[in-house]
Amino acid sequence: MLRSLDIRDMLIIDRLELSLAPGLNVLTGETGAGKSILLDALGFVLGWRGRSELVREGADQGEVVAEFDLPRGHPAFEVLDEAGLSGDDGLILRRVNARDGRKTAWVNDRRVSGDVLRQLSDTLVELHGQHDDKGLLNARGHRVLLDTFGGLEDDVARVRVAWRDMQGAKAELSEARERLAAVQKEEDFFRHAVGEMDALMPEVGEDEALDGQRRLMQGAEKIREDVGRAHQALGPEGAERMMQDAARWLEGAAEQAEGALDAAMEALDRAVQELGVAEQGVMQALDRLTFDASELERVEERLFAIRALSRKHGVQPDDLPRLGDDLRAKLATLDAGADDLKSLEDAVEEASSSYEAAADALGQARARAAEALDLAMVGELAPLKMERATFTTEISETEAGPEGRDQVAFTVATNPGAPAGPLNKIASGGELSRFLLALKVCLTSGSDGITMIFDEIDRGVGGATADAVGRRLEDLARDAQVLVVTHSPQVAARAAHHWRVEKKVEREVTLSRVVALSDTDRVDEIARMLAGDTVTDEARSAARVLLEG
């Protein structure tokens, strides 16, 4: 519910504070007094596109603040959550228009974009009038309105899921066909490449290992002779024999040396042990340096084969195993392609059948909802003095989509035998107003927390018809907030809250004001609407009759 509207320095308004309430709120006043300016200001703070020049002459900037009460579960909370905003204590929208045209907006003191304001406005306010192309007159939205009226949200959701599954299955099939076609173009290459990979079976790190083994073999002949000499010098004919002789001689002299040779003998014993370790290591090296010449040839042949294959495919040697796996996978795709396609085609057929069934069920539900809406409209048009008019919800088949295959259009015929057509093409101004009002009564649940604004929707009607319009607006406002801009005294008389918009000239400056009317003031205002500039006692009496009725 819109609780208050605070306007500063906008057009011909210097400062205006308007406090609104639940029920039927009516704004009246002479033509040009500024009633439309209030709607312009409200549209500005809600992010609607409208006039470009809004700042009052002489002011640096204009500002509008709108405060809303949000009941628990209101759709605006979802918008606030997505934008990272808090709305626990209500909702305050503030927007500033600078003289240079810059516009800045805040929601609960957090700066936001115009898109966020517009998303919020869709959950907060509905504007209806004879030139409204965003609401009931917009045929593109009729299907959504019918679904809401019929409570078909779950049916639509099932169709959306079925559509998504079907499109996903079709996309997967298309991708599989493209992959298979690409593989088929290079079938000979893949088979030859996989054959080479399978014959060679390179391993990660093998290139480096073979290269090291090859270098060792190439250098072995150069160092083997020196290593052999070292082994001979350390062996039984060399240092080993000499150290054994030395140990034997020292043992013979040790008994008479009185311990003087003990340390030397112990050191010699350790040296003999270390000499054995050295000799063993040299022997192992000799074994490694001993190889068959054909082994070098085998190592070089495999090393060169791996490197040639890596150059052929433009990858590093260590990447060959992964490349081989990729090639085998593509070849497997080719070999299993026909079976995979058949499975995917079956999945598409199954998903399409599910979509068709869900779309058919939704279409039937929409047909039932259309009959119920048409019947409800008959009951609403009669009190509005349009009992001879007909309203028809036409459903035709259109291209399949995520919300089914149905195109919905509201059509009317104002007189028996006259051809039916779109609302805004067939009905006159007054008839259109009543059609829109009847539609709104049928389509409104009264529990969505939206403020409904009717901008001179009673234009072109008067007398008993205007009284019927006022009564329908009053009924519509019982469980909702309705704001009506009107020139009709019959509509104004039904208001729960009545304001008069008036224009005054102060110090050669034209300003617009809004005045809350007391019961006495309402009599005078409605009398003015009945009689014009000169308010007579008869007009006041007629006004009292309207207010009492």
Protein backbone atom coordinates (compact mmCIF):
# COMPACT_ATOMS: atom_id res chain seq x y z
CA MET A 1 0.00 0.00 0.00
CA LEU A 2 1.20 3.51 -0.84
CA ARG A 3 1.36 5.28 2.52
CA SER A 4 2.66 8.71 1.52
CA LEU A 5 3.98 10.77 -1.38
CA ASP A 6 6.33 13.70 -0.75
CA ILE A 7 7.07 15.95 -3.75
CA ARG A 8 9.49 18.88 -3.81
CA ASP A 9 10.22 21.27 -6.68
CA MET A 10 8.65 19.22 -9.46
CA LEU A 11 6.93 21.08 -12.33
CA ILE A 12 4.49 23.48 -10.57
CA ILE A 13 4.74 21.82 -7.15
CA ASP A 14 7.10 23.45 -4.64
CA ARG A 15 6.28 21.21 -1.67
CA LEU A 16 3.50 18.67 -1.36
CA GLU A 17 2.90 15.93 1.18
CA LEU A 18 0.11 13.47 0.49
CA SER A 19 -0.84 10.78 2.99
CA LEU A 20 -2.89 7.96 1.51
CA ALA A 21 -4.92 5.21 3.13
CA PRO A 22 -6.46 1.83 2.25
CA GLY A 23 -9.69 1.82 0.31
CA LEU A 24 -10.85 4.21 -2.39
CA ASN A 25 -8.73 7.40 -2.60
CA VAL A 26 -10.05 10.05 -4.98
CA LEU A 27 -8.29 13.09 -6.47
CA THR A 28 -10.49 15.76 -8.04
CA GLY A 29 -9.94 19.28 -9.27
CA GLU A 30 -10.39 21.52 -12.27
CA THR A 31 -8.70 20.67 -15.54
CA GLY A 32 -5.08 21.86 -15.44
CA ALA A 33 -4.94 21.99 -11.66
CA GLY A 34 -2.13 19.45 -11.58
CA LYS A 35 -3.75 16.05 -11.05
CA SER A 36 -1.65 14.50 -13.82
CA ILE A 37 1.47 16.04 -12.25
CA LEU A 38 0.92 13.87 -9.18
CA LEU A 39 0.91 10.78 -11.38
CA ASP A 40 3.99 12.06 -13.21
CA ALA A 41 5.78 12.47 -9.89
CA LEU A 42 4.73 9.02 -8.71
CA GLY A 43 5.84 7.53 -12.01
CA PHE A 44 9.18 9.34 -11.67
CA VAL A 45 9.96 7.85 -8.25
CA LEU A 46 8.92 4.41 -9.54
CA GLY A 47 11.34 4.66 -12.45
CA TRP A 48 8.71 4.97 -15.19
CA ARG A 49 9.68 6.77 -18.36
CA GLY A 50 7.82 10.03 -18.72
CA ARG A 51 8.49 13.73 -19.06
CA SER A 52 12.13 14.73 -19.41
CA GLU A 53 11.76 18.21 -17.90
CA LEU A 54 10.41 17.81 -14.36
CA VAL A 55 12.39 20.26 -12.19
CA ARG A 56 10.42 23.32 -11.11
CA GLU A 57 11.56 26.59 -12.67
CA GLY A 58 14.14 28.26 -10.44
CA ALA A 59 15.00 25.10 -8.44
CA ASP A 60 18.31 23.25 -8.63
CA GLN A 61 16.71 19.84 -8.36
CA GLY A 62 13.39 18.07 -7.87
CA GLU A 63 12.78 15.23 -5.46
CA VAL A 64 10.03 12.67 -4.87
CA VAL A 65 9.78 10.30 -1.91
CA ALA A 66 7.22 7.47 -1.83
CA GLU A 67 6.67 5.29 1.23
CA PHE A 68 4.98 1.90 1.00
CA ASP A 69 3.75 -0.61 3.55
CA LEU A 70 4.57 -4.19 2.56
CA PRO A 71 2.52 -7.10 3.96
CA ARG A 72 4.32 -10.33 4.71
CA GLY A 73 5.07 -12.31 1.56
CA HIS A 74 4.76 -9.29 -0.75
CA PRO A 75 6.49 -9.88 -4.15
CA ALA A 76 8.62 -6.77 -3.60
CA PHE A 77 10.67 -8.68 -1.03
CA GLU A 78 12.02 -10.95 -3.78
CA VAL A 79 13.20 -7.93 -5.76
CA LEU A 80 14.79 -6.45 -2.64
CA ASP A 81 16.57 -9.71 -1.84
CA GLU A 82 17.98 -10.02 -5.37
CA ALA A 83 19.25 -6.44 -5.15
CA GLY A 84 20.78 -7.02 -1.71
CA LEU A 85 18.40 -4.57 -0.03
CA SER A 86 16.52 -4.72 3.26
CA GLY A 87 12.77 -4.20 3.47
CA ASP A 88 11.88 -5.35 6.97
CA ASP A 89 10.61 -1.92 8.07
CA GLY A 90 8.65 -1.02 4.97
CA LEU A 91 9.85 0.51 1.75
CA ILE A 92 10.96 4.08 1.07
CA LEU A 93 11.75 5.09 -2.52
CA ARG A 94 13.53 8.37 -3.15
CA ARG A 95 14.56 9.80 -6.50
CA VAL A 96 16.18 13.13 -7.38
CA ASN A 97 16.17 14.90 -10.74
CA ALA A 98 18.97 17.47 -11.12
CA ARG A 99 18.59 20.52 -13.32
CA ASP A 100 21.10 19.06 -15.81
CA GLY A 101 18.91 15.97 -16.24
CA ARG A 102 20.84 13.56 -14.02
CA LYS A 103 18.61 11.20 -12.04
CA THR A 104 19.64 9.45 -8.82
CA ALA A 105 17.56 6.92 -6.88
CA TRP A 106 17.63 5.33 -3.42
CA VAL A 107 15.69 2.45 -1.86
CA ASN A 108 15.73 2.47 1.95
CA ASP A 109 18.73 4.84 1.81
CA ARG A 110 20.67 2.53 -0.53
CA ARG A 111 21.48 3.88 -3.96
CA VAL A 112 19.97 1.81 -6.80
CA SER A 113 19.53 1.86 -10.56
CA GLY A 114 16.41 2.78 -12.47
CA ASP A 115 16.00 -0.90 -13.39
CA VAL A 116 15.60 -1.84 -9.71
CA LEU A 117 12.95 0.88 -9.30
CA ARG A 118 11.04 -0.43 -12.30
CA GLN A 119 11.21 -4.02 -11.03
CA LEU A 120 9.82 -2.83 -7.69
CA SER A 121 7.12 -0.75 -9.38
CA ASP A 122 5.78 -3.87 -11.14
CA THR A 123 5.03 -5.32 -7.70
CA LEU A 124 3.78 -2.09 -6.08
CA VAL A 125 1.56 -0.13 -8.48
CA GLU A 126 -0.73 -0.75 -11.45
CA LEU A 127 -1.78 2.17 -13.64
CA HIS A 128 -4.96 1.83 -15.71
CA GLY A 129 -6.39 4.33 -18.12
CA GLN A 130 -7.70 4.75 -21.64
CA HIS A 131 -4.17 5.08 -23.02
CA ASP A 132 -2.49 2.46 -20.90
CA ASP A 133 -0.51 0.19 -23.24
CA LYS A 134 1.34 -1.66 -20.45
CA GLY A 135 -1.63 -3.20 -18.69
CA LEU A 136 -4.97 -4.60 -19.79
CA LEU A 137 -4.77 -3.10 -23.29
CA ASN A 138 -1.52 -4.87 -24.06
CA ALA A 139 -2.51 -8.08 -25.86
CA ARG A 140 0.92 -9.58 -25.18
CA GLY A 141 0.01 -9.75 -21.51
CA HIS A 142 -3.46 -11.27 -21.89
CA ARG A 143 -2.18 -14.84 -21.60
CA VAL A 144 -0.51 -14.06 -18.26
CA LEU A 145 -3.69 -12.39 -17.02
CA LEU A 146 -5.80 -15.40 -18.01
CA ASP A 147 -3.33 -17.79 -16.32
CA THR A 148 -3.48 -15.72 -13.15
CA PHE A 149 -7.27 -15.61 -13.24
CA GLY A 150 -7.47 -19.37 -13.69
CA GLY A 151 -4.80 -20.15 -11.09
CA LEU A 152 -2.75 -21.95 -13.73
CA GLU A 153 0.70 -21.06 -12.39
CA ASP A 154 1.55 -24.72 -11.61
CA ASP A 155 0.37 -25.85 -15.05
CA VAL A 156 2.53 -23.19 -16.70
CA ALA A 157 5.49 -24.22 -14.54
CA ARG A 158 5.12 -27.84 -15.70
CA VAL A 159 5.10 -26.73 -19.33
CA ARG A 160 8.21 -24.61 -18.76
CA VAL A 161 10.04 -27.60 -17.27
CA ALA A 162 8.92 -29.86 -20.14
CA TRP A 163 10.00 -27.22 -22.67
CA ARG A 164 13.40 -26.90 -21.01
CA ASP A 165 13.88 -30.68 -21.00
CA MET A 166 12.84 -30.95 -24.64
CA GLN A 167 15.14 -28.13 -25.75
CA GLY A 168 17.99 -29.65 -23.75
CA ALA A 169 17.46 -33.06 -25.38
CA LYS A 170 17.36 -31.47 -28.83
CA ALA A 171 20.53 -29.51 -28.14
CA GLU A 172 22.32 -32.65 -26.94
CA LEU A 173 21.25 -34.53 -30.08
CA SER A 174 22.38 -31.67 -32.31
CA GLU A 175 25.77 -31.51 -30.61
CA ALA A 176 26.20 -35.28 -30.93
CA ARG A 177 25.41 -35.12 -34.64
CA GLU A 178 27.92 -32.31 -35.11
CA ARG A 179 30.60 -34.22 -33.22
CA LEU A 180 29.94 -37.37 -35.22
CA ALA A 181 30.02 -35.48 -38.52
CA ALA A 182 33.34 -33.89 -37.58
CA VAL A 183 34.82 -37.25 -36.62
CA GLN A 184 33.55 -38.93 -39.77
CA LYS A 185 35.41 -36.40 -41.94
CA GLU A 186 38.72 -37.54 -40.43
CA GLU A 187 37.98 -41.20 -39.86
CA ASP A 188 41.01 -42.45 -41.85
CA PHE A 189 43.33 -40.10 -39.97
CA PHE A 190 42.00 -41.17 -36.58
CA ARG A 191 42.32 -44.85 -37.33
CA HIS A 192 45.90 -44.45 -38.63
CA ALA A 193 46.88 -42.22 -35.68
CA VAL A 194 45.41 -44.59 -33.12
CA GLY A 195 47.23 -47.46 -34.82
CA GLU A 196 50.54 -45.61 -34.46
CA MET A 197 49.82 -44.79 -30.85
CA ASP A 198 48.86 -48.38 -30.03
CA ALA A 199 52.01 -49.70 -31.75
CA LEU A 200 54.34 -47.35 -29.88
CA MET A 201 52.46 -46.90 -26.56
CA PRO A 202 54.63 -44.01 -25.30
CA GLU A 203 54.65 -43.28 -21.57
CA VAL A 204 54.96 -40.06 -19.61
CA GLY A 205 58.65 -39.44 -18.76
CA GLU A 206 59.89 -42.07 -21.20
CA ASP A 207 61.54 -39.54 -23.53
CA GLU A 208 63.71 -38.15 -20.73
CA ALA A 209 64.61 -41.62 -19.46
CA LEU A 210 65.62 -42.87 -22.92
CA ASP A 211 67.65 -39.76 -23.59
CA GLY A 212 69.61 -40.22 -20.35
CA GLN A 213 70.18 -43.91 -21.11
CA ARG A 214 71.40 -43.04 -24.61
CA ARG A 215 73.86 -40.43 -23.34
CA LEU A 216 75.21 -42.89 -20.79
CA MET A 217 75.77 -45.53 -23.45
CA GLN A 218 77.46 -43.04 -25.78
CA GLY A 219 79.90 -41.96 -23.07
CA ALA A 220 80.57 -45.47 -21.68
CA GLU A 221 83.41 -46.39 -24.07
CA LYS A 222 85.32 -43.25 -23.16
CA ILE A 223 85.35 -43.87 -19.41
CA ARG A 224 85.28 -47.68 -19.23
CA GLU A 225 89.08 -48.02 -19.71
CA ASP A 226 89.88 -45.62 -16.86
CA VAL A 227 87.33 -47.27 -14.58
CA GLY A 228 88.86 -50.67 -15.41
CA ARG A 229 92.35 -49.43 -14.51
CA ALA A 230 90.98 -48.06 -11.24
CA HIS A 231 89.44 -51.45 -10.49
CA GLN A 232 92.76 -53.18 -11.24
CA ALA A 233 94.63 -50.74 -9.00
CA LEU A 234 92.22 -51.40 -6.13
CA GLY A 235 91.97 -55.19 -6.61
CA PRO A 236 94.06 -58.19 -5.49
CA GLU A 237 96.95 -57.21 -7.76
CA GLY A 238 96.98 -53.68 -6.53
CA ALA A 239 96.21 -51.81 -3.35
CA GLU A 240 94.33 -54.71 -1.76
CA ARG A 241 97.38 -57.02 -1.92
CA MET A 242 99.76 -54.34 -0.62
CA MET A 243 97.49 -53.47 2.31
CA GLN A 244 97.14 -57.14 3.19
CA ASP A 245 101.00 -57.49 3.17
CA ALA A 246 101.30 -54.42 5.37
CA ALA A 247 98.80 -55.80 7.84
CA ARG A 248 100.64 -59.14 8.01
CA TRP A 249 104.02 -57.47 8.62
CA LEU A 250 102.60 -55.23 11.35
CA GLU A 251 100.98 -58.15 13.11
CA GLY A 252 104.38 -59.86 13.30
CA ALA A 253 106.00 -56.81 14.85
CA ALA A 254 103.15 -55.84 17.18
CA GLU A 255 104.10 -58.24 19.99
CA GLN A 256 107.47 -56.54 20.50
CA ALA A 257 106.25 -52.96 19.85
CA GLU A 258 104.62 -52.62 23.31
CA GLY A 259 101.34 -51.24 21.83
CA ALA A 260 103.02 -48.61 19.66
CA LEU A 261 101.44 -50.13 16.50
CA ASP A 262 97.92 -50.66 17.84
CA ALA A 263 96.50 -47.39 16.50
CA ALA A 264 98.14 -47.88 13.14
CA MET A 265 96.76 -51.38 12.84
CA GLU A 266 93.25 -50.24 13.69
CA ALA A 267 93.43 -47.49 11.04
CA LEU A 268 94.76 -49.98 8.51
CA ASP A 269 91.87 -52.32 9.29
CA ARG A 270 89.36 -49.52 8.62
CA ALA A 271 91.17 -48.64 5.40
CA VAL A 272 90.90 -52.24 4.22
CA GLN A 273 87.12 -52.13 4.80
CA GLU A 274 86.70 -48.81 2.95
CA LEU A 275 88.86 -50.16 0.13
CA GLY A 276 86.43 -53.06 -0.22
CA VAL A 277 83.49 -50.66 -0.50
CA ALA A 278 85.31 -48.65 -3.17
CA GLU A 279 86.17 -51.75 -5.13
CA GLN A 280 82.55 -52.96 -5.04
CA GLY A 281 81.28 -49.59 -6.31
CA VAL A 282 83.78 -49.59 -9.16
CA MET A 283 82.72 -53.13 -10.11
CA GLN A 284 79.05 -52.08 -10.22
CA ALA A 285 79.94 -49.13 -12.44
CA LEU A 286 81.81 -51.46 -14.76
CA ASP A 287 78.71 -53.66 -14.98
CA ARG A 288 76.56 -50.65 -15.96
CA LEU A 289 79.09 -49.59 -18.53
CA THR A 290 79.05 -53.03 -20.07
CA PHE A 291 76.29 -53.38 -22.69
CA ASP A 292 75.48 -54.86 -26.01
CA ALA A 293 75.91 -52.46 -28.96
CA SER A 294 72.47 -53.45 -30.23
CA GLU A 295 70.94 -52.08 -26.99
CA LEU A 296 72.11 -48.56 -27.90
CA GLU A 297 70.56 -48.99 -31.30
CA ARG A 298 67.24 -50.13 -29.73
CA VAL A 299 67.17 -47.16 -27.31
CA GLU A 300 67.93 -44.65 -30.06
CA GLU A 301 65.32 -46.17 -32.35
CA ARG A 302 62.54 -45.84 -29.73
CA LEU A 303 63.66 -42.37 -28.66
CA PHE A 304 63.63 -41.12 -32.24
CA ALA A 305 60.23 -42.75 -32.89
CA ILE A 306 58.69 -40.99 -29.88
CA ARG A 307 60.14 -37.64 -30.90
CA ALA A 308 59.02 -38.06 -34.50
CA LEU A 309 55.46 -38.82 -33.37
CA SER A 310 55.41 -35.79 -31.08
CA ARG A 311 56.57 -33.54 -33.95
CA LYS A 312 53.96 -35.05 -36.24
CA HIS A 313 51.14 -34.15 -33.88
CA GLY A 314 52.66 -30.91 -32.64
CA VAL A 315 52.79 -31.87 -28.97
CA GLN A 316 55.46 -32.52 -26.37
CA PRO A 317 56.56 -36.17 -25.97
CA ASP A 318 55.00 -36.34 -22.50
CA ASP A 319 51.63 -35.26 -24.01
CA LEU A 320 51.48 -38.21 -26.40
CA PRO A 321 49.68 -40.58 -23.96
CA ARG A 322 46.89 -38.06 -23.37
CA LEU A 323 46.65 -37.37 -27.11
CA GLY A 324 46.34 -41.10 -27.68
CA ASP A 325 43.44 -41.27 -25.20
CA ASP A 326 41.71 -38.37 -26.99
CA LEU A 327 42.12 -40.03 -30.38
CA ARG A 328 40.81 -43.33 -29.06
CA ALA A 329 37.79 -41.50 -27.55
CA LYS A 330 37.00 -39.87 -30.89
CA LEU A 331 37.32 -43.15 -32.64
CA ALA A 332 35.03 -44.73 -30.02
CA THR A 333 32.53 -41.92 -30.67
CA LEU A 334 32.65 -42.77 -34.33
CA ASP A 335 32.25 -46.49 -33.75
CA ALA A 336 29.39 -46.01 -31.25
CA GLY A 337 27.91 -42.99 -33.05
CA ALA A 338 24.91 -44.71 -34.56
CA ASP A 339 23.88 -46.28 -31.25
CA ASP A 340 24.36 -42.99 -29.35
CA LEU A 341 22.31 -41.05 -31.89
CA LYS A 342 19.48 -43.55 -31.66
CA SER A 343 19.45 -43.21 -27.88
CA LEU A 344 19.45 -39.40 -28.08
CA GLU A 345 16.73 -39.42 -30.73
CA ASP A 346 14.60 -41.58 -28.42
CA ALA A 347 15.21 -39.07 -25.60
CA VAL A 348 14.09 -36.18 -27.84
CA GLU A 349 10.95 -38.07 -28.81
CA GLU A 350 10.14 -38.83 -25.17
CA ALA A 351 10.76 -35.20 -24.08
CA SER A 352 8.66 -33.91 -26.98
CA SER A 353 5.80 -36.19 -26.01
CA SER A 354 5.99 -34.94 -22.43
CA TYR A 355 5.92 -31.34 -23.64
CA GLU A 356 2.98 -31.99 -25.95
CA ALA A 357 1.03 -33.61 -23.12
CA ALA A 358 1.77 -30.73 -20.72
CA ALA A 359 0.95 -28.12 -23.37
CA ASP A 360 -2.31 -29.89 -24.23
CA ALA A 361 -3.31 -30.01 -20.56
CA LEU A 362 -2.48 -26.31 -20.17
CA GLY A 363 -4.45 -25.44 -23.30
CA GLN A 364 -7.50 -27.26 -21.96
CA ALA A 365 -7.16 -25.52 -18.60
CA ARG A 366 -6.90 -22.17 -20.36
CA ALA A 367 -10.05 -22.92 -22.33
CA ARG A 368 -11.91 -23.60 -19.08
CA ALA A 369 -10.48 -20.43 -17.50
CA ALA A 370 -11.52 -18.42 -20.58
CA GLU A 371 -15.11 -19.62 -20.23
CA ALA A 372 -15.10 -18.69 -16.55
CA LEU A 373 -13.65 -15.23 -17.28
CA ASP A 374 -16.18 -14.55 -20.03
CA LEU A 375 -18.98 -15.53 -17.66
CA ALA A 376 -17.56 -13.33 -14.90
CA MET A 377 -17.38 -10.40 -17.34
CA VAL A 378 -21.07 -10.81 -18.17
CA GLY A 379 -21.83 -10.29 -14.48
CA GLU A 380 -19.60 -7.22 -14.30
CA LEU A 381 -20.73 -5.49 -17.52
CA ALA A 382 -24.43 -5.50 -16.65
CA PRO A 383 -24.11 -3.15 -13.63
CA LEU A 384 -21.98 -0.88 -15.81
CA LYS A 385 -24.91 -0.47 -18.24
CA MET A 386 -23.26 -2.63 -20.91
CA GLU A 387 -25.53 -5.65 -20.76
CA ARG A 388 -25.75 -5.75 -24.58
CA ALA A 389 -21.98 -5.84 -25.02
CA THR A 390 -20.06 -9.09 -25.25
CA PHE A 391 -16.59 -9.97 -24.03
CA THR A 392 -14.77 -13.00 -25.42
CA THR A 393 -11.43 -14.50 -24.51
CA GLU A 394 -10.12 -15.87 -27.78
CA ILE A 395 -7.52 -18.63 -27.70
CA SER A 396 -5.67 -19.54 -30.87
CA GLU A 397 -2.71 -21.80 -31.56
CA THR A 398 0.67 -20.17 -31.98
CA GLU A 399 4.26 -21.30 -32.19
CA ALA A 400 5.21 -23.59 -29.33
CA GLY A 401 7.20 -22.03 -26.52
CA PRO A 402 8.03 -22.33 -22.82
CA GLU A 403 4.47 -21.29 -21.90
CA GLY A 404 2.61 -23.53 -24.30
CA ARG A 405 1.14 -23.12 -27.75
CA ASP A 406 -1.74 -20.76 -26.92
CA GLN A 407 -2.19 -17.16 -27.94
CA VAL A 408 -4.75 -15.29 -25.84
CA ALA A 409 -6.56 -12.10 -26.80
CA PHE A 410 -9.42 -10.25 -25.09
CA THR A 411 -11.96 -9.13 -27.70
CA VAL A 412 -15.21 -7.19 -27.36
CA ALA A 413 -18.32 -6.38 -29.34
CA THR A 414 -20.22 -3.35 -28.08
CA ASN A 415 -23.51 -4.15 -29.80
CA PRO A 416 -25.29 -7.38 -30.78
CA GLY A 417 -24.31 -8.50 -34.28
CA ALA A 418 -21.28 -6.19 -34.39
CA PRO A 419 -17.94 -7.81 -35.18
CA ALA A 420 -15.65 -8.48 -32.25
CA GLY A 421 -12.21 -6.94 -32.07
CA PRO A 422 -9.44 -5.80 -29.74
CA LEU A 423 -10.46 -3.71 -26.75
CA ASN A 424 -8.73 -0.50 -27.83
CA LYS A 425 -9.93 -0.80 -31.44
CA ILE A 426 -13.63 -1.50 -30.94
CA ALA A 427 -14.74 0.30 -27.79
CA SER A 428 -15.28 4.06 -27.53
CA GLY A 429 -13.68 6.04 -24.72
CA GLY A 430 -16.48 5.52 -22.23
CA GLU A 431 -17.03 1.91 -23.23
CA LEU A 432 -13.34 1.18 -23.00
CA SER A 433 -13.22 2.62 -19.49
CA ARG A 434 -15.99 0.32 -18.35
CA PHE A 435 -14.51 -2.73 -20.05
CA LEU A 436 -11.18 -2.07 -18.33
CA LEU A 437 -12.85 -1.60 -14.97
CA ALA A 438 -14.89 -4.80 -15.34
CA LEU A 439 -11.76 -6.70 -16.35
CA LYS A 440 -9.84 -5.36 -13.40
CA VAL A 441 -12.60 -6.40 -11.01
CA CYS A 442 -12.58 -9.92 -12.45
CA LEU A 443 -8.80 -10.26 -12.50
CA THR A 444 -7.99 -8.79 -9.10
CA SER A 445 -7.77 -11.07 -6.10
CA GLY A 446 -7.48 -8.17 -3.66
CA SER A 447 -4.64 -9.85 -1.79
CA ASP A 448 -1.55 -9.03 -3.81
CA GLY A 449 -0.83 -5.72 -2.05
CA ILE A 450 -0.72 -3.68 -5.27
CA THR A 451 -1.94 -0.08 -5.34
CA MET A 452 -4.25 0.33 -8.34
CA ILE A 453 -4.40 3.73 -10.01
CA PHE A 454 -7.21 4.62 -12.41
CA ASP A 455 -6.44 7.76 -14.38
CA GLU A 456 -9.77 9.30 -15.50
CA ILE A 457 -11.04 5.84 -16.38
CA ASP A 458 -14.58 7.23 -16.07
CA ARG A 459 -14.06 9.76 -18.86
CA GLY A 460 -16.94 9.83 -21.32
CA VAL A 461 -19.55 8.40 -18.96
CA GLY A 462 -22.08 10.10 -16.73
CA GLY A 463 -25.33 9.72 -14.85
CA ALA A 464 -26.30 6.21 -13.84
CA THR A 465 -23.32 4.73 -15.71
CA ALA A 466 -20.87 6.93 -13.81
CA ASP A 467 -22.58 5.91 -10.58
CA ALA A 468 -22.14 2.24 -11.55
CA VAL A 469 -18.46 2.89 -12.26
CA GLY A 470 -18.06 4.50 -8.85
CA ARG A 471 -19.71 1.57 -7.11
CA ARG A 472 -17.46 -0.95 -8.90
CA LEU A 473 -14.41 1.06 -7.90
CA GLU A 474 -15.70 1.12 -4.34
CA ASP A 475 -16.13 -2.66 -4.40
CA LEU A 476 -12.66 -3.10 -5.88
CA ALA A 477 -11.18 -1.00 -3.07
CA ARG A 478 -12.73 -2.99 -0.21
CA ASP A 479 -9.71 -5.29 0.03
CA ALA A 480 -7.15 -3.12 -1.73
CA GLN A 481 -5.89 0.41 -2.17
CA VAL A 482 -7.33 2.23 -5.18
CA LEU A 483 -6.34 5.73 -6.27
CA VAL A 484 -8.66 7.41 -8.78
CA VAL A 485 -8.16 10.65 -10.68
CA THR A 486 -11.65 11.67 -11.76
CA HIS A 487 -13.91 14.43 -13.03
CA SER A 488 -17.04 12.46 -12.22
CA PRO A 489 -19.04 13.55 -9.13
CA GLN A 490 -20.68 10.11 -8.98
CA VAL A 491 -17.24 8.46 -8.66
CA ALA A 492 -15.96 11.06 -6.20
CA ALA A 493 -18.96 10.49 -3.96
CA ARG A 494 -17.93 6.86 -3.43
CA ALA A 495 -14.51 7.79 -2.03
CA ALA A 496 -13.35 6.82 1.43
CA HIS A 497 -10.68 9.54 1.22
CA HIS A 498 -11.05 12.63 -0.94
CA TRP A 499 -8.45 15.23 -1.98
CA ARG A 500 -8.82 18.28 -4.17
CA VAL A 501 -5.97 19.39 -6.42
CA GLU A 502 -5.96 23.15 -6.91
CA LYS A 503 -3.74 25.64 -8.66
CA LYS A 504 -2.87 29.04 -7.21
CA VAL A 505 -0.74 31.97 -8.29
CA GLU A 506 1.49 33.36 -5.56
CA ARG A 507 3.84 36.26 -6.36
CA GLU A 508 3.39 35.61 -10.06
CA VAL A 509 4.37 31.95 -9.60
CA THR A 510 1.86 29.20 -10.38
CA LEU A 511 1.82 26.44 -7.79
CA SER A 512 -0.26 23.29 -7.35
CA ARG A 513 -1.62 22.18 -3.98
CA VAL A 514 -3.47 19.14 -2.68
CA VAL A 515 -6.05 19.67 0.05
CA ALA A 516 -7.63 16.91 2.12
CA LEU A 517 -11.37 17.51 2.19
CA SER A 518 -13.61 17.35 5.22
CA ASP A 519 -17.21 16.19 4.93
CA THR A 520 -18.34 19.78 4.39
CA ASP A 521 -15.60 20.44 1.86
CA ARG A 522 -16.61 17.32 -0.02
CA VAL A 523 -20.15 18.63 -0.41
CA ASP A 524 -18.82 21.84 -1.96
CA GLU A 525 -16.34 20.02 -4.21
CA ILE A 526 -18.90 17.57 -5.56
CA ALA A 527 -21.37 20.43 -5.99
CA ARG A 528 -18.70 22.24 -8.05
CA MET A 529 -18.23 19.13 -10.16
CA LEU A 530 -22.00 19.05 -10.74
CA ALA A 531 -22.67 22.75 -11.35
CA GLY A 532 -19.41 24.25 -12.54
CA ASP A 533 -18.00 27.60 -11.37
CA THR A 534 -21.22 28.78 -9.72
CA VAL A 535 -22.14 26.47 -6.86
CA THR A 536 -25.83 26.70 -6.00
CA ASP A 537 -27.82 25.35 -3.09
CA GLU A 538 -29.46 22.94 -5.49
CA ALA A 539 -26.02 21.63 -6.46
CA ARG A 540 -25.11 21.20 -2.80
CA SER A 541 -28.35 19.29 -2.20
CA ALA A 542 -27.58 17.05 -5.16
CA ALA A 543 -24.06 16.53 -3.82
CA ARG A 544 -25.42 15.46 -0.43
CA VAL A 545 -27.73 12.98 -2.16
CA LEU A 546 -24.74 11.48 -4.00
CA LEU A 547 -22.71 11.25 -0.80
CA GLU A 548 -25.57 9.58 1.06
CA GLY A 549 -26.26 7.15 -1.75
